[in-house]
Amino acid sequence: MSLFDAIADERRGLAELADTLTEEQLGTPSLVPTWTVRDVIAHLTLGMEVSTLRFAMTLLLARGSFEKAADRLTWWMARRPVRELADILRRKAEHRFTPPGMGPEAPLSETLVHGLDLRRPLAIRRAIPEERARICLDFLARTPARGFVRSEWREGLRFEATDLSWAHGEGPLLRGPSDSLLLALTGRRQALSELEGDGVDLLRERYQPA
């Protein structure tokens, strides 16, 4: 299975999940501050639905802030019925959009992490296929800072997975399940309680706003 096939499989799985969620579940706060579960589902459709022109205009209105532009577009898409959002994920599952200068590892990582963002608050556990987890851990641990990848969080730390053969870095240790490491590498504070090692408190400090 290619990485694009894996991305399509993840999108279809999220579409199936979205079809089963109640309004109460959709309104549950996700692991992303200010986003509900519905917002996360909507966000995952942006690369398939939002034109380059609309994104550029939104970025301009957001004064160059990628995060503010993403929030605005996410909330704009979230006004649609969730069944429509699920249908987009299903119909366009094989869409091959990748951020400029990045390969399929980027959308795969985004899809896996956002899947955790919405499943965790709903107490829906799902075992990520090992190869996909390993590829995304490598991407998040090695890619220069861009978008949701923040190199300043991981520098000088060692990350070790307990459920598959994967480790990266040197320094104070953070050790735990691969899905918790995916969340920790992308700034999700909620995952730190699932990790052990003398690097946990250091990473928690790095998350604090300047």
N, C-alpha and C. Protein backbone atom coordinates (compact mmCIF):
# COMPACT_ATOMS: atom_id res chain seq x y z
N MET A 1 0.84 -1.19 0.00
CA MET A 1 0.00 0.00 0.00
C MET A 1 0.88 1.25 0.00
N SER A 2 0.60 2.17 -0.93
CA SER A 2 1.36 3.42 -0.98
C SER A 2 0.90 4.36 0.13
N LEU A 3 1.67 5.44 0.34
CA LEU A 3 1.27 6.40 1.36
C LEU A 3 -0.05 7.08 1.00
N PHE A 4 -0.25 7.34 -0.27
CA PHE A 4 -1.52 7.95 -0.68
C PHE A 4 -2.68 6.99 -0.45
N ASP A 5 -2.45 5.70 -0.64
CA ASP A 5 -3.48 4.70 -0.33
C ASP A 5 -3.79 4.71 1.17
N ALA A 6 -2.75 4.85 1.98
CA ALA A 6 -2.94 4.90 3.43
C ALA A 6 -3.74 6.14 3.84
N ILE A 7 -3.44 7.28 3.20
CA ILE A 7 -4.18 8.51 3.48
C ILE A 7 -5.65 8.32 3.14
N ALA A 8 -5.91 7.74 1.97
CA ALA A 8 -7.29 7.50 1.54
C ALA A 8 -8.01 6.59 2.53
N ASP A 9 -7.33 5.57 3.00
CA ASP A 9 -7.93 4.64 3.96
C ASP A 9 -8.27 5.36 5.27
N GLU A 10 -7.37 6.23 5.74
CA GLU A 10 -7.62 6.99 6.96
C GLU A 10 -8.82 7.93 6.78
N ARG A 11 -8.91 8.58 5.64
CA ARG A 11 -10.02 9.50 5.39
C ARG A 11 -11.35 8.74 5.35
N ARG A 12 -11.36 7.59 4.71
CA ARG A 12 -12.60 6.82 4.66
C ARG A 12 -13.02 6.36 6.06
N GLY A 13 -12.04 5.98 6.85
CA GLY A 13 -12.35 5.57 8.22
C GLY A 13 -12.95 6.71 9.03
N LEU A 14 -12.42 7.92 8.86
CA LEU A 14 -12.95 9.07 9.57
C LEU A 14 -14.34 9.44 9.05
N ALA A 15 -14.58 9.25 7.76
CA ALA A 15 -15.91 9.51 7.20
C ALA A 15 -16.94 8.56 7.81
N GLU A 16 -16.56 7.30 7.94
CA GLU A 16 -17.47 6.32 8.54
C GLU A 16 -17.75 6.68 10.00
N LEU A 17 -16.72 7.11 10.71
CA LEU A 17 -16.91 7.51 12.10
C LEU A 17 -17.82 8.74 12.19
N ALA A 18 -17.58 9.73 11.34
CA ALA A 18 -18.37 10.96 11.38
C ALA A 18 -19.85 10.66 11.18
N ASP A 19 -20.16 9.69 10.33
CA ASP A 19 -21.56 9.34 10.07
C ASP A 19 -22.27 8.80 11.30
N THR A 20 -21.53 8.32 12.28
CA THR A 20 -22.13 7.70 13.46
C THR A 20 -22.26 8.66 14.65
N LEU A 21 -21.67 9.85 14.57
CA LEU A 21 -21.60 10.73 15.72
C LEU A 21 -22.89 11.52 15.93
N THR A 22 -23.26 11.69 17.18
CA THR A 22 -24.43 12.49 17.54
C THR A 22 -24.05 13.97 17.58
N GLU A 23 -25.06 14.83 17.65
CA GLU A 23 -24.79 16.26 17.74
C GLU A 23 -24.01 16.58 19.01
N GLU A 24 -24.32 15.87 20.09
CA GLU A 24 -23.58 16.09 21.33
C GLU A 24 -22.11 15.74 21.16
N GLN A 25 -21.84 14.62 20.50
CA GLN A 25 -20.45 14.22 20.26
C GLN A 25 -19.74 15.21 19.35
N LEU A 26 -20.45 15.68 18.32
CA LEU A 26 -19.85 16.64 17.38
C LEU A 26 -19.50 17.95 18.06
N GLY A 27 -20.24 18.30 19.11
CA GLY A 27 -19.97 19.54 19.83
C GLY A 27 -18.96 19.40 20.94
N THR A 28 -18.41 18.20 21.12
CA THR A 28 -17.41 17.96 22.17
C THR A 28 -16.11 18.69 21.83
N PRO A 29 -15.49 19.37 22.80
CA PRO A 29 -14.19 20.00 22.54
C PRO A 29 -13.15 18.94 22.14
N SER A 30 -12.40 19.23 21.09
CA SER A 30 -11.35 18.32 20.64
C SER A 30 -10.06 18.63 21.40
N LEU A 31 -8.99 17.96 21.03
CA LEU A 31 -7.70 18.26 21.64
C LEU A 31 -7.09 19.55 21.10
N VAL A 32 -7.68 20.10 20.04
CA VAL A 32 -7.21 21.38 19.48
C VAL A 32 -7.96 22.51 20.17
N PRO A 33 -7.27 23.41 20.83
CA PRO A 33 -7.95 24.53 21.50
C PRO A 33 -8.86 25.29 20.53
N THR A 34 -10.07 25.58 20.96
CA THR A 34 -11.11 26.32 20.24
C THR A 34 -11.83 25.50 19.18
N TRP A 35 -11.41 24.26 18.93
CA TRP A 35 -12.07 23.43 17.93
C TRP A 35 -12.88 22.33 18.59
N THR A 36 -14.09 22.11 18.07
CA THR A 36 -14.90 20.98 18.47
C THR A 36 -14.57 19.78 17.57
N VAL A 37 -15.17 18.65 17.87
CA VAL A 37 -15.00 17.47 17.01
C VAL A 37 -15.49 17.79 15.60
N ARG A 38 -16.62 18.50 15.48
CA ARG A 38 -17.12 18.90 14.16
C ARG A 38 -16.08 19.74 13.43
N ASP A 39 -15.45 20.67 14.12
CA ASP A 39 -14.45 21.53 13.49
C ASP A 39 -13.28 20.72 12.94
N VAL A 40 -12.85 19.71 13.69
CA VAL A 40 -11.73 18.88 13.22
C VAL A 40 -12.11 18.16 11.94
N ILE A 41 -13.32 17.62 11.90
CA ILE A 41 -13.78 16.95 10.68
C ILE A 41 -13.80 17.93 9.52
N ALA A 42 -14.31 19.14 9.78
CA ALA A 42 -14.35 20.16 8.73
C ALA A 42 -12.94 20.53 8.26
N HIS A 43 -12.02 20.66 9.20
CA HIS A 43 -10.65 21.04 8.87
C HIS A 43 -10.01 20.03 7.91
N LEU A 44 -10.31 18.77 8.10
CA LEU A 44 -9.71 17.73 7.26
C LEU A 44 -10.16 17.79 5.81
N THR A 45 -11.20 18.56 5.53
CA THR A 45 -11.67 18.69 4.15
C THR A 45 -11.05 19.89 3.43
N LEU A 46 -10.33 20.74 4.15
CA LEU A 46 -9.86 22.00 3.54
C LEU A 46 -9.00 21.78 2.32
N GLY A 47 -8.03 20.86 2.41
CA GLY A 47 -7.13 20.64 1.29
C GLY A 47 -7.82 20.13 0.05
N MET A 48 -9.02 19.58 0.22
CA MET A 48 -9.78 19.02 -0.90
C MET A 48 -10.85 19.97 -1.42
N GLU A 49 -11.25 20.95 -0.60
CA GLU A 49 -12.38 21.80 -0.94
C GLU A 49 -12.03 23.28 -1.15
N VAL A 50 -11.01 23.76 -0.46
CA VAL A 50 -10.69 25.18 -0.51
C VAL A 50 -9.71 25.48 -1.64
N SER A 51 -10.07 26.40 -2.50
CA SER A 51 -9.21 26.76 -3.63
C SER A 51 -8.01 27.56 -3.15
N THR A 52 -6.98 27.57 -3.96
CA THR A 52 -5.78 28.34 -3.64
C THR A 52 -6.12 29.82 -3.50
N LEU A 53 -7.02 30.31 -4.36
CA LEU A 53 -7.41 31.72 -4.31
C LEU A 53 -8.11 32.05 -2.99
N ARG A 54 -9.06 31.20 -2.57
CA ARG A 54 -9.76 31.46 -1.31
C ARG A 54 -8.79 31.42 -0.14
N PHE A 55 -7.88 30.45 -0.16
CA PHE A 55 -6.92 30.38 0.94
C PHE A 55 -6.05 31.64 0.97
N ALA A 56 -5.59 32.08 -0.21
CA ALA A 56 -4.73 33.27 -0.27
C ALA A 56 -5.46 34.50 0.24
N MET A 57 -6.73 34.63 -0.12
CA MET A 57 -7.52 35.78 0.33
C MET A 57 -7.72 35.72 1.85
N THR A 58 -8.00 34.53 2.36
CA THR A 58 -8.20 34.37 3.80
C THR A 58 -6.91 34.65 4.56
N LEU A 59 -5.79 34.20 4.00
CA LEU A 59 -4.50 34.46 4.63
C LEU A 59 -4.20 35.96 4.66
N LEU A 60 -4.57 36.64 3.59
CA LEU A 60 -4.37 38.10 3.54
C LEU A 60 -5.20 38.79 4.61
N LEU A 61 -6.46 38.38 4.74
CA LEU A 61 -7.34 38.97 5.76
C LEU A 61 -6.85 38.66 7.17
N ALA A 62 -6.16 37.52 7.30
CA ALA A 62 -5.62 37.14 8.61
C ALA A 62 -4.24 37.74 8.85
N ARG A 63 -3.84 38.67 7.96
CA ARG A 63 -2.57 39.38 8.07
C ARG A 63 -1.37 38.42 8.10
N GLY A 64 -1.47 37.39 7.27
CA GLY A 64 -0.36 36.46 7.12
C GLY A 64 -0.28 35.37 8.15
N SER A 65 -1.22 35.32 9.07
CA SER A 65 -1.20 34.29 10.11
C SER A 65 -1.83 33.01 9.56
N PHE A 66 -1.01 31.97 9.39
CA PHE A 66 -1.52 30.70 8.87
C PHE A 66 -2.54 30.11 9.83
N GLU A 67 -2.28 30.20 11.14
CA GLU A 67 -3.18 29.61 12.12
C GLU A 67 -4.54 30.30 12.11
N LYS A 68 -4.56 31.64 12.03
CA LYS A 68 -5.83 32.36 11.99
C LYS A 68 -6.59 32.05 10.70
N ALA A 69 -5.87 31.95 9.60
CA ALA A 69 -6.52 31.62 8.33
C ALA A 69 -7.12 30.22 8.39
N ALA A 70 -6.38 29.28 8.95
CA ALA A 70 -6.88 27.91 9.07
C ALA A 70 -8.12 27.87 9.96
N ASP A 71 -8.12 28.64 11.05
CA ASP A 71 -9.29 28.70 11.92
C ASP A 71 -10.51 29.22 11.17
N ARG A 72 -10.32 30.32 10.44
CA ARG A 72 -11.45 30.92 9.72
C ARG A 72 -12.03 29.97 8.68
N LEU A 73 -11.15 29.31 7.93
CA LEU A 73 -11.62 28.37 6.91
C LEU A 73 -12.27 27.15 7.54
N THR A 74 -11.72 26.71 8.66
CA THR A 74 -12.29 25.56 9.36
C THR A 74 -13.71 25.86 9.82
N TRP A 75 -13.90 27.02 10.45
CA TRP A 75 -15.23 27.38 10.94
C TRP A 75 -16.20 27.62 9.79
N TRP A 76 -15.68 28.12 8.68
CA TRP A 76 -16.51 28.31 7.48
C TRP A 76 -17.01 26.96 6.96
N MET A 77 -16.12 25.98 6.88
CA MET A 77 -16.52 24.65 6.42
C MET A 77 -17.42 23.95 7.43
N ALA A 78 -17.21 24.21 8.72
CA ALA A 78 -17.97 23.52 9.77
C ALA A 78 -19.44 23.90 9.78
N ARG A 79 -19.83 24.93 9.03
CA ARG A 79 -21.24 25.29 8.94
C ARG A 79 -22.02 24.28 8.11
N ARG A 80 -21.32 23.47 7.35
CA ARG A 80 -21.99 22.46 6.52
C ARG A 80 -22.45 21.28 7.38
N PRO A 81 -23.48 20.57 6.97
CA PRO A 81 -23.91 19.38 7.70
C PRO A 81 -22.78 18.36 7.77
N VAL A 82 -22.67 17.67 8.88
CA VAL A 82 -21.56 16.73 9.04
C VAL A 82 -21.63 15.60 8.01
N ARG A 83 -22.84 15.24 7.58
CA ARG A 83 -22.95 14.20 6.55
C ARG A 83 -22.31 14.67 5.25
N GLU A 84 -22.43 15.97 4.96
CA GLU A 84 -21.79 16.51 3.77
C GLU A 84 -20.27 16.48 3.91
N LEU A 85 -19.77 16.82 5.10
CA LEU A 85 -18.33 16.76 5.35
C LEU A 85 -17.82 15.34 5.22
N ALA A 86 -18.56 14.39 5.76
CA ALA A 86 -18.17 12.98 5.66
C ALA A 86 -18.16 12.53 4.20
N ASP A 87 -19.13 13.02 3.44
CA ASP A 87 -19.19 12.64 2.02
C ASP A 87 -17.99 13.18 1.26
N ILE A 88 -17.53 14.39 1.62
CA ILE A 88 -16.33 14.95 0.98
C ILE A 88 -15.13 14.07 1.27
N LEU A 89 -14.96 13.69 2.53
CA LEU A 89 -13.84 12.82 2.90
C LEU A 89 -13.89 11.50 2.15
N ARG A 90 -15.08 10.99 1.97
CA ARG A 90 -15.23 9.69 1.30
C ARG A 90 -15.01 9.82 -0.21
N ARG A 91 -15.66 10.80 -0.84
CA ARG A 91 -15.57 10.96 -2.29
C ARG A 91 -14.18 11.38 -2.75
N LYS A 92 -13.53 12.20 -1.93
CA LYS A 92 -12.24 12.75 -2.32
C LYS A 92 -11.09 12.13 -1.51
N ALA A 93 -11.32 10.93 -1.03
CA ALA A 93 -10.31 10.27 -0.19
C ALA A 93 -8.97 10.13 -0.89
N GLU A 94 -8.98 9.98 -2.20
CA GLU A 94 -7.74 9.76 -2.95
C GLU A 94 -7.11 11.06 -3.46
N HIS A 95 -7.64 12.19 -3.02
CA HIS A 95 -7.08 13.48 -3.40
C HIS A 95 -5.62 13.55 -2.95
N ARG A 96 -4.74 14.05 -3.82
CA ARG A 96 -3.30 13.99 -3.56
C ARG A 96 -2.69 15.34 -3.21
N PHE A 97 -3.45 16.21 -2.58
CA PHE A 97 -2.90 17.48 -2.14
C PHE A 97 -1.81 17.26 -1.10
N THR A 98 -0.69 17.97 -1.27
CA THR A 98 0.35 18.01 -0.24
C THR A 98 0.80 19.45 -0.08
N PRO A 99 1.19 19.87 1.13
CA PRO A 99 1.68 21.23 1.32
C PRO A 99 2.90 21.47 0.44
N PRO A 100 3.12 22.69 -0.02
CA PRO A 100 4.28 22.99 -0.88
C PRO A 100 5.58 22.51 -0.25
N GLY A 101 6.36 21.78 -1.04
CA GLY A 101 7.66 21.31 -0.59
C GLY A 101 7.62 20.07 0.28
N MET A 102 6.43 19.50 0.50
CA MET A 102 6.32 18.31 1.33
C MET A 102 5.72 17.16 0.55
N GLY A 103 5.97 15.95 1.03
CA GLY A 103 5.44 14.76 0.40
C GLY A 103 4.20 14.26 1.12
N PRO A 104 3.75 13.05 0.80
CA PRO A 104 2.53 12.49 1.40
C PRO A 104 2.64 12.24 2.90
N GLU A 105 3.87 12.24 3.44
CA GLU A 105 4.01 12.07 4.89
C GLU A 105 3.28 13.18 5.65
N ALA A 106 3.22 14.37 5.06
CA ALA A 106 2.58 15.51 5.73
C ALA A 106 1.07 15.30 5.88
N PRO A 107 0.32 15.04 4.78
CA PRO A 107 -1.12 14.82 4.98
C PRO A 107 -1.43 13.55 5.75
N LEU A 108 -0.58 12.53 5.66
CA LEU A 108 -0.81 11.33 6.46
C LEU A 108 -0.68 11.66 7.94
N SER A 109 0.36 12.42 8.29
CA SER A 109 0.55 12.80 9.69
C SER A 109 -0.59 13.67 10.19
N GLU A 110 -1.00 14.63 9.37
CA GLU A 110 -2.10 15.50 9.76
C GLU A 110 -3.38 14.70 9.99
N THR A 111 -3.65 13.76 9.10
CA THR A 111 -4.87 12.96 9.21
C THR A 111 -4.83 12.07 10.45
N LEU A 112 -3.69 11.45 10.72
CA LEU A 112 -3.58 10.60 11.90
C LEU A 112 -3.73 11.41 13.18
N VAL A 113 -3.03 12.54 13.26
CA VAL A 113 -3.07 13.34 14.48
C VAL A 113 -4.46 13.92 14.70
N HIS A 114 -5.08 14.44 13.65
CA HIS A 114 -6.43 14.98 13.82
C HIS A 114 -7.45 13.88 14.12
N GLY A 115 -7.18 12.68 13.64
CA GLY A 115 -8.04 11.57 14.03
C GLY A 115 -7.97 11.33 15.53
N LEU A 116 -6.78 11.44 16.09
CA LEU A 116 -6.62 11.33 17.55
C LEU A 116 -7.26 12.52 18.25
N ASP A 117 -7.16 13.71 17.65
CA ASP A 117 -7.75 14.91 18.24
C ASP A 117 -9.24 14.75 18.49
N LEU A 118 -9.92 14.05 17.61
CA LEU A 118 -11.37 13.91 17.79
C LEU A 118 -11.76 12.61 18.48
N ARG A 119 -10.96 11.56 18.32
CA ARG A 119 -11.31 10.29 18.96
C ARG A 119 -11.06 10.31 20.47
N ARG A 120 -9.95 10.87 20.90
CA ARG A 120 -9.58 10.84 22.31
C ARG A 120 -10.66 11.44 23.22
N PRO A 121 -11.17 12.64 22.92
CA PRO A 121 -12.20 13.22 23.80
C PRO A 121 -13.50 12.40 23.82
N LEU A 122 -13.72 11.60 22.78
CA LEU A 122 -14.92 10.77 22.70
C LEU A 122 -14.68 9.36 23.26
N ALA A 123 -13.46 9.15 23.80
CA ALA A 123 -13.09 7.84 24.37
C ALA A 123 -13.22 6.73 23.34
N ILE A 124 -12.86 7.05 22.11
CA ILE A 124 -12.84 6.05 21.03
C ILE A 124 -11.38 5.69 20.76
N ARG A 125 -10.99 4.52 21.16
CA ARG A 125 -9.60 4.09 20.97
C ARG A 125 -9.47 3.35 19.65
N ARG A 126 -8.36 3.56 19.01
CA ARG A 126 -8.11 2.91 17.72
C ARG A 126 -6.61 2.65 17.58
N ALA A 127 -6.25 1.43 17.25
CA ALA A 127 -4.84 1.09 17.07
C ALA A 127 -4.39 1.54 15.68
N ILE A 128 -3.46 2.47 15.61
CA ILE A 128 -2.93 2.92 14.33
C ILE A 128 -2.01 1.84 13.76
N PRO A 129 -2.15 1.49 12.50
CA PRO A 129 -1.23 0.52 11.90
C PRO A 129 0.22 0.92 12.14
N GLU A 130 1.04 -0.04 12.54
CA GLU A 130 2.40 0.26 12.97
C GLU A 130 3.21 1.01 11.93
N GLU A 131 3.12 0.60 10.68
CA GLU A 131 3.94 1.25 9.65
C GLU A 131 3.54 2.71 9.48
N ARG A 132 2.26 2.99 9.54
CA ARG A 132 1.81 4.38 9.42
C ARG A 132 2.29 5.21 10.61
N ALA A 133 2.20 4.63 11.79
CA ALA A 133 2.67 5.34 12.98
C ALA A 133 4.15 5.64 12.88
N ARG A 134 4.93 4.65 12.43
CA ARG A 134 6.39 4.82 12.34
C ARG A 134 6.75 5.91 11.32
N ILE A 135 6.10 5.89 10.17
CA ILE A 135 6.37 6.89 9.13
C ILE A 135 6.07 8.30 9.65
N CYS A 136 4.96 8.45 10.35
CA CYS A 136 4.56 9.77 10.83
C CYS A 136 5.43 10.22 12.00
N LEU A 137 5.85 9.31 12.85
CA LEU A 137 6.78 9.68 13.92
C LEU A 137 8.10 10.17 13.33
N ASP A 138 8.59 9.47 12.31
CA ASP A 138 9.82 9.91 11.65
C ASP A 138 9.66 11.30 11.05
N PHE A 139 8.52 11.52 10.40
CA PHE A 139 8.27 12.81 9.77
C PHE A 139 8.23 13.93 10.81
N LEU A 140 7.48 13.72 11.87
CA LEU A 140 7.32 14.76 12.89
C LEU A 140 8.60 15.00 13.68
N ALA A 141 9.43 13.97 13.80
CA ALA A 141 10.66 14.11 14.59
C ALA A 141 11.83 14.66 13.78
N ARG A 142 11.75 14.61 12.46
CA ARG A 142 12.90 14.98 11.63
C ARG A 142 12.66 16.18 10.72
N THR A 143 11.43 16.50 10.41
CA THR A 143 11.14 17.55 9.45
C THR A 143 11.41 18.94 10.03
N PRO A 144 12.07 19.82 9.28
CA PRO A 144 12.27 21.19 9.76
C PRO A 144 10.93 21.85 10.06
N ALA A 145 10.94 22.83 10.95
CA ALA A 145 9.71 23.47 11.41
C ALA A 145 8.92 24.07 10.24
N ARG A 146 7.69 23.56 10.07
CA ARG A 146 6.79 24.10 9.06
C ARG A 146 5.37 23.72 9.46
N GLY A 147 4.47 24.67 9.46
CA GLY A 147 3.08 24.37 9.77
C GLY A 147 2.94 23.81 11.18
N PHE A 148 2.41 22.59 11.28
CA PHE A 148 2.17 21.99 12.59
C PHE A 148 3.40 21.30 13.16
N VAL A 149 4.53 21.35 12.46
CA VAL A 149 5.77 20.76 12.95
C VAL A 149 6.60 21.85 13.63
N ARG A 150 6.87 21.71 14.91
CA ARG A 150 7.63 22.71 15.66
C ARG A 150 8.93 22.07 16.16
N SER A 151 10.04 22.36 15.50
CA SER A 151 11.31 21.74 15.87
C SER A 151 11.77 22.17 17.26
N GLU A 152 11.35 23.37 17.72
CA GLU A 152 11.81 23.83 19.03
C GLU A 152 11.23 22.98 20.16
N TRP A 153 10.14 22.28 19.89
CA TRP A 153 9.58 21.41 20.93
C TRP A 153 10.42 20.16 21.13
N ARG A 154 10.98 19.62 20.06
CA ARG A 154 11.63 18.30 20.14
C ARG A 154 13.13 18.36 20.31
N GLU A 155 13.75 19.53 20.11
CA GLU A 155 15.21 19.62 20.13
C GLU A 155 15.78 19.20 21.48
N GLY A 156 16.84 18.39 21.43
CA GLY A 156 17.53 17.98 22.65
C GLY A 156 16.77 16.99 23.51
N LEU A 157 15.79 16.32 22.93
CA LEU A 157 15.01 15.31 23.65
C LEU A 157 15.08 13.97 22.93
N ARG A 158 14.90 12.90 23.69
CA ARG A 158 14.84 11.57 23.10
C ARG A 158 13.42 11.01 23.28
N PHE A 159 12.86 10.55 22.17
CA PHE A 159 11.52 9.97 22.17
C PHE A 159 11.63 8.48 21.89
N GLU A 160 10.95 7.66 22.68
CA GLU A 160 10.96 6.21 22.48
C GLU A 160 9.54 5.67 22.56
N ALA A 161 9.17 4.85 21.57
CA ALA A 161 7.86 4.22 21.56
C ALA A 161 7.92 2.89 22.33
N THR A 162 6.87 2.60 23.06
CA THR A 162 6.82 1.35 23.82
C THR A 162 6.06 0.24 23.10
N ASP A 163 5.32 0.59 22.03
CA ASP A 163 4.50 -0.40 21.34
C ASP A 163 5.00 -0.74 19.94
N LEU A 164 6.10 -0.14 19.53
CA LEU A 164 6.74 -0.50 18.27
C LEU A 164 8.21 -0.10 18.34
N SER A 165 8.99 -0.60 17.39
CA SER A 165 10.43 -0.33 17.40
C SER A 165 10.69 1.03 16.75
N TRP A 166 10.76 2.07 17.58
CA TRP A 166 11.02 3.41 17.08
C TRP A 166 11.59 4.27 18.20
N ALA A 167 12.62 5.04 17.87
CA ALA A 167 13.20 6.00 18.80
C ALA A 167 13.88 7.09 17.99
N HIS A 168 13.99 8.28 18.59
CA HIS A 168 14.64 9.39 17.91
C HIS A 168 15.19 10.36 18.94
N GLY A 169 16.39 10.88 18.64
CA GLY A 169 16.96 11.97 19.42
C GLY A 169 17.84 11.53 20.56
N GLU A 170 18.50 12.50 21.13
CA GLU A 170 19.36 12.30 22.29
C GLU A 170 19.04 13.35 23.33
N GLY A 171 19.03 12.94 24.59
CA GLY A 171 18.75 13.90 25.66
C GLY A 171 17.74 13.33 26.63
N PRO A 172 17.11 14.18 27.45
CA PRO A 172 16.10 13.73 28.39
C PRO A 172 15.01 12.91 27.68
N LEU A 173 14.58 11.85 28.31
CA LEU A 173 13.72 10.85 27.67
C LEU A 173 12.23 11.13 27.84
N LEU A 174 11.48 10.87 26.76
CA LEU A 174 10.02 10.77 26.80
C LEU A 174 9.67 9.41 26.20
N ARG A 175 9.01 8.58 26.96
CA ARG A 175 8.76 7.20 26.55
C ARG A 175 7.29 6.87 26.74
N GLY A 176 6.68 6.26 25.70
CA GLY A 176 5.27 5.89 25.82
C GLY A 176 4.72 5.35 24.52
N PRO A 177 3.40 5.14 24.45
CA PRO A 177 2.76 4.61 23.24
C PRO A 177 2.97 5.53 22.04
N SER A 178 3.00 4.94 20.86
CA SER A 178 3.27 5.71 19.65
C SER A 178 2.22 6.79 19.40
N ASP A 179 0.95 6.51 19.69
CA ASP A 179 -0.05 7.55 19.44
C ASP A 179 0.12 8.73 20.40
N SER A 180 0.56 8.45 21.62
CA SER A 180 0.82 9.53 22.57
C SER A 180 2.03 10.36 22.13
N LEU A 181 3.02 9.71 21.54
CA LEU A 181 4.18 10.44 21.02
C LEU A 181 3.79 11.32 19.83
N LEU A 182 2.90 10.82 18.98
CA LEU A 182 2.42 11.64 17.86
C LEU A 182 1.77 12.92 18.38
N LEU A 183 0.99 12.78 19.43
CA LEU A 183 0.33 13.95 20.01
C LEU A 183 1.33 14.87 20.69
N ALA A 184 2.29 14.29 21.40
CA ALA A 184 3.29 15.11 22.09
C ALA A 184 4.15 15.90 21.11
N LEU A 185 4.50 15.28 20.00
CA LEU A 185 5.33 15.96 19.00
C LEU A 185 4.59 17.09 18.30
N THR A 186 3.27 17.11 18.40
CA THR A 186 2.48 18.16 17.76
C THR A 186 1.83 19.07 18.80
N GLY A 187 2.36 19.09 20.00
CA GLY A 187 1.95 20.08 20.98
C GLY A 187 0.72 19.79 21.78
N ARG A 188 0.25 18.54 21.79
CA ARG A 188 -0.95 18.22 22.57
C ARG A 188 -0.56 17.90 24.02
N ARG A 189 -0.82 18.84 24.90
CA ARG A 189 -0.44 18.68 26.31
C ARG A 189 -1.11 17.48 26.96
N GLN A 190 -2.31 17.13 26.46
CA GLN A 190 -3.07 16.05 27.07
C GLN A 190 -2.33 14.72 27.01
N ALA A 191 -1.39 14.57 26.07
CA ALA A 191 -0.68 13.31 25.91
C ALA A 191 0.44 13.14 26.92
N LEU A 192 0.88 14.21 27.57
CA LEU A 192 2.04 14.13 28.43
C LEU A 192 1.82 13.22 29.64
N SER A 193 0.57 13.11 30.10
CA SER A 193 0.29 12.25 31.24
C SER A 193 0.44 10.77 30.89
N GLU A 194 0.53 10.46 29.60
CA GLU A 194 0.67 9.08 29.16
C GLU A 194 2.13 8.71 28.87
N LEU A 195 3.03 9.68 29.10
CA LEU A 195 4.45 9.46 28.84
C LEU A 195 5.22 9.46 30.16
N GLU A 196 6.38 8.84 30.13
CA GLU A 196 7.24 8.83 31.30
C GLU A 196 8.65 9.24 30.89
N GLY A 197 9.43 9.69 31.86
CA GLY A 197 10.80 10.09 31.59
C GLY A 197 11.07 11.51 32.04
N ASP A 198 12.35 11.83 32.15
CA ASP A 198 12.73 13.14 32.66
C ASP A 198 12.57 14.25 31.63
N GLY A 199 12.16 13.91 30.42
CA GLY A 199 11.91 14.93 29.41
C GLY A 199 10.48 15.44 29.40
N VAL A 200 9.59 14.78 30.14
CA VAL A 200 8.17 15.16 30.12
C VAL A 200 7.97 16.58 30.65
N ASP A 201 8.53 16.88 31.80
CA ASP A 201 8.36 18.22 32.38
C ASP A 201 9.01 19.29 31.51
N LEU A 202 10.13 18.94 30.87
CA LEU A 202 10.81 19.89 30.00
C LEU A 202 9.94 20.23 28.79
N LEU A 203 9.32 19.21 28.20
CA LEU A 203 8.45 19.47 27.05
C LEU A 203 7.22 20.26 27.48
N ARG A 204 6.69 19.98 28.64
CA ARG A 204 5.55 20.73 29.14
C ARG A 204 5.89 22.22 29.25
N GLU A 205 7.08 22.52 29.71
CA GLU A 205 7.53 23.91 29.83
C GLU A 205 7.64 24.56 28.45
N ARG A 206 8.09 23.80 27.46
CA ARG A 206 8.25 24.35 26.13
C ARG A 206 6.90 24.69 25.48
N TYR A 207 5.86 24.00 25.89
CA TYR A 207 4.53 24.30 25.36
C TYR A 207 3.98 25.64 25.82
N GLN A 208 4.50 26.14 26.94
CA GLN A 208 3.95 27.37 27.48
C GLN A 208 4.21 28.53 26.52
N PRO A 209 3.22 29.41 26.36
CA PRO A 209 3.41 30.55 25.44
C PRO A 209 4.48 31.49 25.96
N ALA A 210 5.19 32.11 25.05
CA ALA A 210 6.25 33.04 25.42
C ALA A 210 5.69 34.31 26.04
